[in-house]
N, C-alpha and C. Protein backbone atom coordinates (compact mmCIF):
# COMPACT_ATOMS: atom_id res chain seq x y z
N UNK A 1 -55.88 -104.90 -68.25
CA UNK A 1 -56.34 -103.95 -69.28
C UNK A 1 -57.02 -102.81 -68.52
N UNK A 2 -56.71 -101.58 -69.02
CA UNK A 2 -57.41 -100.36 -68.30
C UNK A 2 -58.82 -100.34 -68.39
N UNK A 3 -59.55 -100.03 -67.29
CA UNK A 3 -61.01 -99.94 -67.31
C UNK A 3 -61.52 -98.53 -67.81
N UNK A 4 -60.64 -97.58 -67.96
CA UNK A 4 -60.97 -96.34 -68.47
C UNK A 4 -59.84 -95.82 -69.41
N UNK A 5 -60.23 -95.44 -70.49
CA UNK A 5 -59.22 -94.94 -71.44
C UNK A 5 -59.64 -93.50 -72.01
N UNK A 6 -58.55 -92.64 -71.86
CA UNK A 6 -58.72 -91.27 -72.42
C UNK A 6 -58.05 -91.09 -73.79
N UNK A 7 -58.92 -90.71 -74.63
CA UNK A 7 -58.59 -90.55 -76.04
C UNK A 7 -58.58 -89.20 -76.59
N UNK A 8 -57.57 -88.73 -77.30
CA UNK A 8 -57.51 -87.45 -77.98
C UNK A 8 -57.33 -87.68 -79.39
N UNK A 9 -58.13 -86.95 -80.23
CA UNK A 9 -58.14 -87.27 -81.72
C UNK A 9 -57.51 -85.96 -82.39
N UNK A 10 -56.76 -86.35 -83.43
CA UNK A 10 -56.13 -85.27 -84.39
C UNK A 10 -56.61 -85.55 -85.76
N UNK A 11 -57.17 -84.51 -86.43
CA UNK A 11 -57.53 -84.67 -87.85
C UNK A 11 -56.25 -83.99 -88.57
N UNK A 12 -55.34 -84.81 -89.04
CA UNK A 12 -54.10 -84.27 -89.74
C UNK A 12 -54.46 -83.46 -91.01
N UNK A 13 -55.41 -83.97 -91.69
CA UNK A 13 -56.01 -83.27 -92.99
C UNK A 13 -56.81 -84.32 -93.68
N UNK A 14 -57.66 -84.93 -93.07
CA UNK A 14 -58.40 -86.06 -93.72
C UNK A 14 -59.47 -85.50 -94.58
N UNK A 15 -60.24 -86.43 -95.29
CA UNK A 15 -61.40 -85.91 -96.12
C UNK A 15 -62.64 -85.98 -95.15
N UNK A 16 -62.46 -86.38 -93.93
CA UNK A 16 -63.42 -86.43 -92.94
C UNK A 16 -64.24 -87.78 -92.81
N UNK A 17 -64.05 -88.70 -93.76
CA UNK A 17 -64.65 -89.97 -93.52
C UNK A 17 -64.13 -90.74 -92.42
N UNK A 18 -62.86 -90.72 -92.30
CA UNK A 18 -62.32 -91.44 -91.08
C UNK A 18 -62.71 -90.78 -89.72
N UNK A 19 -62.81 -89.45 -89.75
CA UNK A 19 -63.14 -88.71 -88.56
C UNK A 19 -64.56 -89.13 -88.15
N UNK A 20 -65.45 -89.34 -89.02
CA UNK A 20 -66.85 -89.68 -88.68
C UNK A 20 -66.83 -91.05 -87.97
N UNK A 21 -66.12 -92.06 -88.58
CA UNK A 21 -65.94 -93.36 -88.01
C UNK A 21 -65.16 -93.38 -86.66
N UNK A 22 -64.12 -92.53 -86.49
CA UNK A 22 -63.43 -92.44 -85.27
C UNK A 22 -64.32 -91.93 -84.18
N UNK A 23 -65.02 -90.89 -84.52
CA UNK A 23 -65.89 -90.31 -83.53
C UNK A 23 -67.04 -91.29 -83.17
N UNK A 24 -67.62 -91.95 -84.06
CA UNK A 24 -68.63 -93.07 -83.80
C UNK A 24 -68.05 -93.96 -82.85
N UNK A 25 -66.78 -94.40 -82.99
CA UNK A 25 -66.10 -95.53 -82.16
C UNK A 25 -65.78 -94.92 -80.82
N UNK A 26 -65.19 -93.76 -80.57
CA UNK A 26 -64.75 -93.22 -79.28
C UNK A 26 -65.85 -92.44 -78.60
N UNK A 27 -66.99 -92.11 -79.20
CA UNK A 27 -68.09 -91.58 -78.49
C UNK A 27 -68.91 -92.45 -77.75
N UNK A 28 -68.71 -93.76 -77.84
CA UNK A 28 -69.46 -94.66 -77.07
C UNK A 28 -69.09 -94.43 -75.69
N UNK A 29 -70.10 -94.50 -74.77
CA UNK A 29 -69.74 -94.34 -73.32
C UNK A 29 -68.86 -95.61 -72.83
N UNK A 30 -69.10 -96.73 -73.43
CA UNK A 30 -68.35 -97.84 -72.90
C UNK A 30 -68.20 -98.76 -74.19
N UNK A 31 -67.05 -99.45 -74.27
CA UNK A 31 -66.89 -100.47 -75.27
C UNK A 31 -67.65 -101.76 -74.66
N UNK A 32 -67.83 -102.73 -75.53
CA UNK A 32 -68.67 -103.87 -75.15
C UNK A 32 -68.19 -104.58 -73.81
N UNK A 33 -66.92 -104.52 -73.57
CA UNK A 33 -66.48 -105.37 -72.37
C UNK A 33 -66.32 -104.42 -71.18
N UNK A 34 -66.98 -103.24 -71.18
CA UNK A 34 -67.03 -102.37 -69.97
C UNK A 34 -65.96 -101.41 -69.83
N UNK A 35 -65.10 -101.17 -70.82
CA UNK A 35 -63.99 -100.18 -70.82
C UNK A 35 -64.75 -98.84 -71.07
N UNK A 36 -64.53 -97.91 -70.11
CA UNK A 36 -65.05 -96.55 -70.25
C UNK A 36 -64.14 -95.73 -71.20
N UNK A 37 -64.81 -94.91 -72.06
CA UNK A 37 -64.07 -94.18 -73.03
C UNK A 37 -64.24 -92.70 -72.60
N UNK A 38 -63.30 -91.88 -72.49
CA UNK A 38 -63.39 -90.41 -72.28
C UNK A 38 -62.59 -89.65 -73.23
N UNK A 39 -63.27 -88.87 -74.04
CA UNK A 39 -62.57 -87.92 -74.99
C UNK A 39 -62.03 -86.85 -74.23
N UNK A 40 -60.74 -86.45 -74.48
CA UNK A 40 -60.13 -85.35 -73.71
C UNK A 40 -59.71 -84.28 -74.69
N UNK A 41 -59.66 -83.03 -74.30
CA UNK A 41 -59.25 -81.90 -75.10
C UNK A 41 -57.73 -81.50 -75.06
N UNK A 42 -57.11 -82.14 -74.14
CA UNK A 42 -55.68 -81.85 -73.84
C UNK A 42 -54.86 -83.18 -74.12
N UNK A 43 -54.04 -83.08 -75.11
CA UNK A 43 -53.22 -84.29 -75.42
C UNK A 43 -52.40 -84.85 -74.30
N UNK A 44 -51.97 -84.04 -73.41
CA UNK A 44 -51.12 -84.50 -72.32
C UNK A 44 -51.94 -85.39 -71.40
N UNK A 45 -53.24 -85.39 -71.45
CA UNK A 45 -54.17 -86.20 -70.54
C UNK A 45 -54.43 -87.63 -71.25
N UNK A 46 -54.09 -87.67 -72.55
CA UNK A 46 -54.52 -88.86 -73.22
C UNK A 46 -53.68 -90.08 -72.99
N UNK A 47 -54.28 -91.28 -73.00
CA UNK A 47 -53.58 -92.59 -72.98
C UNK A 47 -53.40 -93.00 -74.46
N UNK A 48 -54.42 -92.56 -75.30
CA UNK A 48 -54.32 -93.02 -76.79
C UNK A 48 -54.60 -91.73 -77.53
N UNK A 49 -53.78 -91.53 -78.56
CA UNK A 49 -54.01 -90.42 -79.55
C UNK A 49 -54.38 -91.10 -80.91
N UNK A 50 -55.54 -90.82 -81.44
CA UNK A 50 -55.94 -91.32 -82.72
C UNK A 50 -55.65 -90.12 -83.68
N UNK A 51 -55.02 -90.54 -84.92
CA UNK A 51 -54.68 -89.52 -85.98
C UNK A 51 -55.30 -90.13 -87.21
N UNK A 52 -56.09 -89.12 -87.93
CA UNK A 52 -56.63 -89.48 -89.15
C UNK A 52 -56.12 -88.58 -90.17
N UNK A 53 -56.07 -89.00 -91.54
CA UNK A 53 -55.57 -88.09 -92.53
C UNK A 53 -54.10 -88.22 -92.75
N UNK A 54 -53.73 -87.83 -93.94
CA UNK A 54 -52.29 -87.55 -94.14
C UNK A 54 -51.81 -86.25 -93.60
N UNK A 55 -50.64 -86.27 -93.34
CA UNK A 55 -50.08 -84.86 -92.74
C UNK A 55 -49.60 -83.98 -94.00
N UNK A 56 -50.35 -82.81 -94.05
CA UNK A 56 -49.99 -81.93 -95.14
C UNK A 56 -48.92 -80.89 -94.54
N UNK A 57 -48.35 -80.08 -95.37
CA UNK A 57 -47.29 -79.16 -95.09
C UNK A 57 -47.81 -78.19 -93.97
N UNK A 58 -48.96 -77.77 -94.03
CA UNK A 58 -49.46 -76.75 -93.14
C UNK A 58 -49.61 -77.47 -91.68
N UNK A 59 -50.11 -78.68 -91.61
CA UNK A 59 -50.38 -79.42 -90.40
C UNK A 59 -49.12 -80.14 -89.72
N UNK A 60 -47.98 -80.22 -90.46
CA UNK A 60 -46.88 -81.00 -90.01
C UNK A 60 -46.46 -80.43 -88.65
N UNK A 61 -46.16 -79.14 -88.52
CA UNK A 61 -45.65 -78.51 -87.28
C UNK A 61 -46.64 -78.75 -86.14
N UNK A 62 -47.96 -78.53 -86.46
CA UNK A 62 -48.94 -78.67 -85.45
C UNK A 62 -49.09 -80.09 -84.91
N UNK A 63 -48.98 -81.02 -85.83
CA UNK A 63 -49.06 -82.50 -85.49
C UNK A 63 -47.83 -82.77 -84.54
N UNK A 64 -46.71 -82.45 -84.96
CA UNK A 64 -45.46 -82.72 -84.15
C UNK A 64 -45.64 -82.01 -82.78
N UNK A 65 -46.00 -80.84 -82.71
CA UNK A 65 -46.18 -80.11 -81.44
C UNK A 65 -47.17 -80.76 -80.47
N UNK A 66 -48.26 -81.15 -81.04
CA UNK A 66 -49.44 -81.77 -80.28
C UNK A 66 -48.95 -83.02 -79.81
N UNK A 67 -48.27 -83.88 -80.63
CA UNK A 67 -47.89 -85.15 -80.14
C UNK A 67 -46.77 -85.13 -79.18
N UNK A 68 -45.89 -84.18 -79.29
CA UNK A 68 -44.94 -84.05 -78.23
C UNK A 68 -45.51 -83.79 -76.69
N UNK A 69 -46.65 -83.15 -76.71
CA UNK A 69 -47.27 -82.95 -75.45
C UNK A 69 -47.84 -84.21 -74.93
N UNK A 70 -47.97 -85.28 -75.55
CA UNK A 70 -48.53 -86.44 -75.02
C UNK A 70 -47.41 -87.48 -74.85
N UNK A 71 -46.61 -87.28 -73.94
CA UNK A 71 -45.44 -88.10 -73.72
C UNK A 71 -45.61 -89.63 -73.59
N UNK A 72 -46.63 -90.02 -72.91
CA UNK A 72 -46.89 -91.45 -72.60
C UNK A 72 -47.98 -92.05 -73.42
N UNK A 73 -48.67 -91.33 -74.32
CA UNK A 73 -49.67 -91.82 -75.06
C UNK A 73 -49.34 -92.71 -76.19
N UNK A 74 -50.19 -93.71 -76.50
CA UNK A 74 -49.89 -94.58 -77.55
C UNK A 74 -50.57 -93.90 -78.80
N UNK A 75 -49.86 -93.84 -79.97
CA UNK A 75 -50.24 -93.27 -81.19
C UNK A 75 -50.88 -94.18 -82.13
N UNK A 76 -52.02 -93.91 -82.60
CA UNK A 76 -52.72 -94.86 -83.60
C UNK A 76 -53.05 -94.15 -84.86
N UNK A 77 -52.55 -94.61 -85.91
CA UNK A 77 -52.70 -93.99 -87.29
C UNK A 77 -54.07 -94.76 -87.70
N UNK A 78 -55.11 -93.95 -88.09
CA UNK A 78 -56.35 -94.57 -88.52
C UNK A 78 -56.71 -94.14 -89.95
N UNK A 79 -56.89 -95.16 -90.77
CA UNK A 79 -57.23 -94.99 -92.15
C UNK A 79 -56.02 -95.03 -93.04
N UNK A 80 -56.32 -95.22 -94.35
CA UNK A 80 -55.34 -95.49 -95.31
C UNK A 80 -54.48 -94.21 -95.44
N UNK A 81 -55.05 -93.00 -95.37
CA UNK A 81 -54.32 -91.74 -95.52
C UNK A 81 -53.20 -91.58 -94.35
N UNK A 82 -53.71 -91.90 -93.27
CA UNK A 82 -52.74 -91.74 -92.03
C UNK A 82 -51.65 -92.77 -92.15
N UNK A 83 -51.89 -93.88 -92.76
CA UNK A 83 -50.86 -95.01 -92.77
C UNK A 83 -49.96 -94.89 -94.00
N UNK A 84 -50.51 -94.34 -95.14
CA UNK A 84 -49.61 -94.34 -96.31
C UNK A 84 -49.79 -93.00 -97.16
N UNK A 85 -50.75 -92.23 -96.89
CA UNK A 85 -51.04 -91.10 -97.72
C UNK A 85 -52.20 -91.33 -98.71
N UNK A 86 -52.48 -92.67 -98.88
CA UNK A 86 -53.72 -92.95 -99.79
C UNK A 86 -53.65 -92.20 -100.97
N UNK A 87 -54.81 -91.74 -101.43
CA UNK A 87 -55.00 -91.12 -102.83
C UNK A 87 -54.34 -89.68 -102.82
N UNK A 88 -53.89 -89.29 -101.66
CA UNK A 88 -53.20 -87.91 -101.60
C UNK A 88 -51.68 -87.97 -101.57
N UNK A 89 -51.15 -89.19 -101.76
CA UNK A 89 -49.75 -89.36 -101.59
C UNK A 89 -48.90 -88.69 -102.71
N UNK A 90 -49.55 -88.48 -103.80
CA UNK A 90 -48.87 -87.74 -104.90
C UNK A 90 -49.20 -86.31 -104.93
N UNK A 91 -49.93 -85.83 -103.99
CA UNK A 91 -50.32 -84.39 -103.90
C UNK A 91 -49.16 -83.49 -103.65
N UNK A 92 -49.13 -82.21 -104.12
CA UNK A 92 -48.06 -81.26 -103.88
C UNK A 92 -48.03 -80.89 -102.37
N UNK A 93 -49.15 -81.11 -101.63
CA UNK A 93 -49.23 -80.73 -100.28
C UNK A 93 -48.90 -81.88 -99.29
N UNK A 94 -48.58 -83.00 -99.75
CA UNK A 94 -48.31 -84.24 -98.95
C UNK A 94 -47.01 -84.05 -98.36
N UNK A 95 -47.02 -84.08 -97.04
CA UNK A 95 -45.79 -84.00 -96.11
C UNK A 95 -45.32 -85.41 -95.73
N UNK A 96 -46.44 -86.28 -95.70
CA UNK A 96 -46.14 -87.65 -95.33
C UNK A 96 -47.13 -88.30 -94.41
N UNK A 97 -47.05 -89.59 -94.23
CA UNK A 97 -47.93 -90.31 -93.37
C UNK A 97 -47.60 -89.96 -91.92
N UNK A 98 -48.38 -90.30 -90.93
CA UNK A 98 -48.12 -89.92 -89.57
C UNK A 98 -46.84 -90.39 -88.99
N UNK A 99 -46.37 -91.65 -89.47
CA UNK A 99 -45.07 -92.16 -88.90
C UNK A 99 -43.85 -91.31 -89.23
N UNK A 100 -43.98 -90.54 -90.25
CA UNK A 100 -42.79 -89.58 -90.64
C UNK A 100 -42.59 -88.57 -89.49
N UNK A 101 -43.54 -88.27 -88.78
CA UNK A 101 -43.47 -87.15 -87.77
C UNK A 101 -43.40 -87.66 -86.31
N UNK A 102 -43.85 -88.80 -86.08
CA UNK A 102 -43.84 -89.41 -84.71
C UNK A 102 -43.97 -90.87 -84.81
N UNK A 103 -43.37 -91.69 -83.87
CA UNK A 103 -43.55 -93.12 -83.86
C UNK A 103 -45.05 -93.54 -83.78
N UNK A 104 -45.47 -94.43 -84.47
CA UNK A 104 -46.87 -94.93 -84.45
C UNK A 104 -46.82 -96.30 -83.70
N UNK A 105 -47.77 -96.48 -82.81
CA UNK A 105 -47.76 -97.72 -82.02
C UNK A 105 -48.76 -98.67 -82.68
N UNK A 106 -49.77 -98.23 -83.45
CA UNK A 106 -50.75 -99.19 -84.04
C UNK A 106 -51.33 -98.56 -85.36
N UNK A 107 -51.67 -99.32 -86.30
CA UNK A 107 -52.24 -98.92 -87.47
C UNK A 107 -53.61 -99.66 -87.70
N UNK A 108 -54.69 -98.86 -88.03
CA UNK A 108 -56.02 -99.38 -88.30
C UNK A 108 -56.31 -98.86 -89.72
N UNK A 109 -56.21 -99.77 -90.66
CA UNK A 109 -56.30 -99.30 -92.08
C UNK A 109 -57.73 -99.42 -92.54
N UNK A 110 -57.87 -98.82 -93.66
CA UNK A 110 -59.23 -98.93 -94.33
C UNK A 110 -59.55 -97.54 -94.80
N UNK A 111 -60.49 -97.42 -95.67
CA UNK A 111 -60.87 -96.07 -96.36
C UNK A 111 -62.34 -95.97 -96.38
N UNK A 112 -62.96 -95.62 -95.33
CA UNK A 112 -62.51 -95.58 -93.94
C UNK A 112 -62.67 -96.84 -93.22
N UNK A 113 -61.94 -97.07 -92.14
CA UNK A 113 -62.20 -98.25 -91.28
C UNK A 113 -63.58 -98.14 -90.58
N UNK A 114 -64.21 -99.22 -90.36
CA UNK A 114 -65.57 -99.18 -89.71
C UNK A 114 -65.28 -99.05 -88.19
N UNK A 115 -66.26 -98.40 -87.54
CA UNK A 115 -66.18 -98.24 -86.08
C UNK A 115 -65.77 -99.44 -85.29
N UNK A 116 -66.39 -100.52 -85.69
CA UNK A 116 -65.98 -101.77 -84.96
C UNK A 116 -64.56 -102.14 -85.12
N UNK A 117 -63.99 -101.87 -86.27
CA UNK A 117 -62.58 -102.20 -86.52
C UNK A 117 -61.68 -101.28 -85.67
N UNK A 118 -62.12 -100.01 -85.53
CA UNK A 118 -61.41 -98.99 -84.69
C UNK A 118 -61.49 -99.55 -83.20
N UNK A 119 -62.66 -99.86 -82.80
CA UNK A 119 -62.91 -100.31 -81.37
C UNK A 119 -61.96 -101.52 -81.19
N UNK A 120 -61.99 -102.54 -81.99
CA UNK A 120 -61.24 -103.69 -81.81
C UNK A 120 -59.59 -103.37 -81.77
N UNK A 121 -59.20 -102.52 -82.69
CA UNK A 121 -57.93 -102.05 -82.72
C UNK A 121 -57.47 -101.45 -81.47
N UNK A 122 -58.35 -100.57 -80.89
CA UNK A 122 -58.02 -99.91 -79.74
C UNK A 122 -58.02 -100.78 -78.48
N UNK A 123 -58.89 -101.77 -78.44
CA UNK A 123 -59.00 -102.70 -77.41
C UNK A 123 -57.84 -103.59 -77.40
N UNK A 124 -57.23 -104.01 -78.62
CA UNK A 124 -56.02 -104.77 -78.77
C UNK A 124 -54.87 -104.00 -78.18
N UNK A 125 -54.77 -102.82 -78.44
CA UNK A 125 -53.69 -101.89 -78.04
C UNK A 125 -53.72 -101.80 -76.50
N UNK A 126 -54.96 -101.50 -75.99
CA UNK A 126 -55.11 -101.48 -74.53
C UNK A 126 -54.64 -102.75 -73.78
N UNK A 127 -54.93 -103.86 -74.38
CA UNK A 127 -54.56 -105.15 -73.73
C UNK A 127 -53.13 -105.22 -73.59
N UNK A 128 -52.37 -104.50 -74.51
CA UNK A 128 -50.81 -104.61 -74.32
C UNK A 128 -50.32 -103.63 -73.30
N UNK A 129 -51.23 -102.74 -72.76
CA UNK A 129 -50.71 -101.73 -71.89
C UNK A 129 -50.47 -102.41 -70.45
């Protein structure tokens, strides 16, 4: 398992609840088992990219372009909206869940998922690397 993980976060168009929980999880200097977490501003540096929110029409191209820059990163859809569209799935602006635009490696569901669930999901993904 990696001892340091670089994480990039995308808000595809969330209500912000998942973002608060994601940032609470990834802004820890270390996970409980000593894994160091570093937030990066460049997706090409990321080992993991977390995506919250459903993808709306305006964000679709941006999400695709950003994720293409991260060639080796694992993609994690976080929250009900990122995984299925949630309450926004019938919206006129709904372009789709994250998996419609890029392959997703892991799903962490909930509305919103708690930070501990996000940390556990990321640790599980890291153990597979």
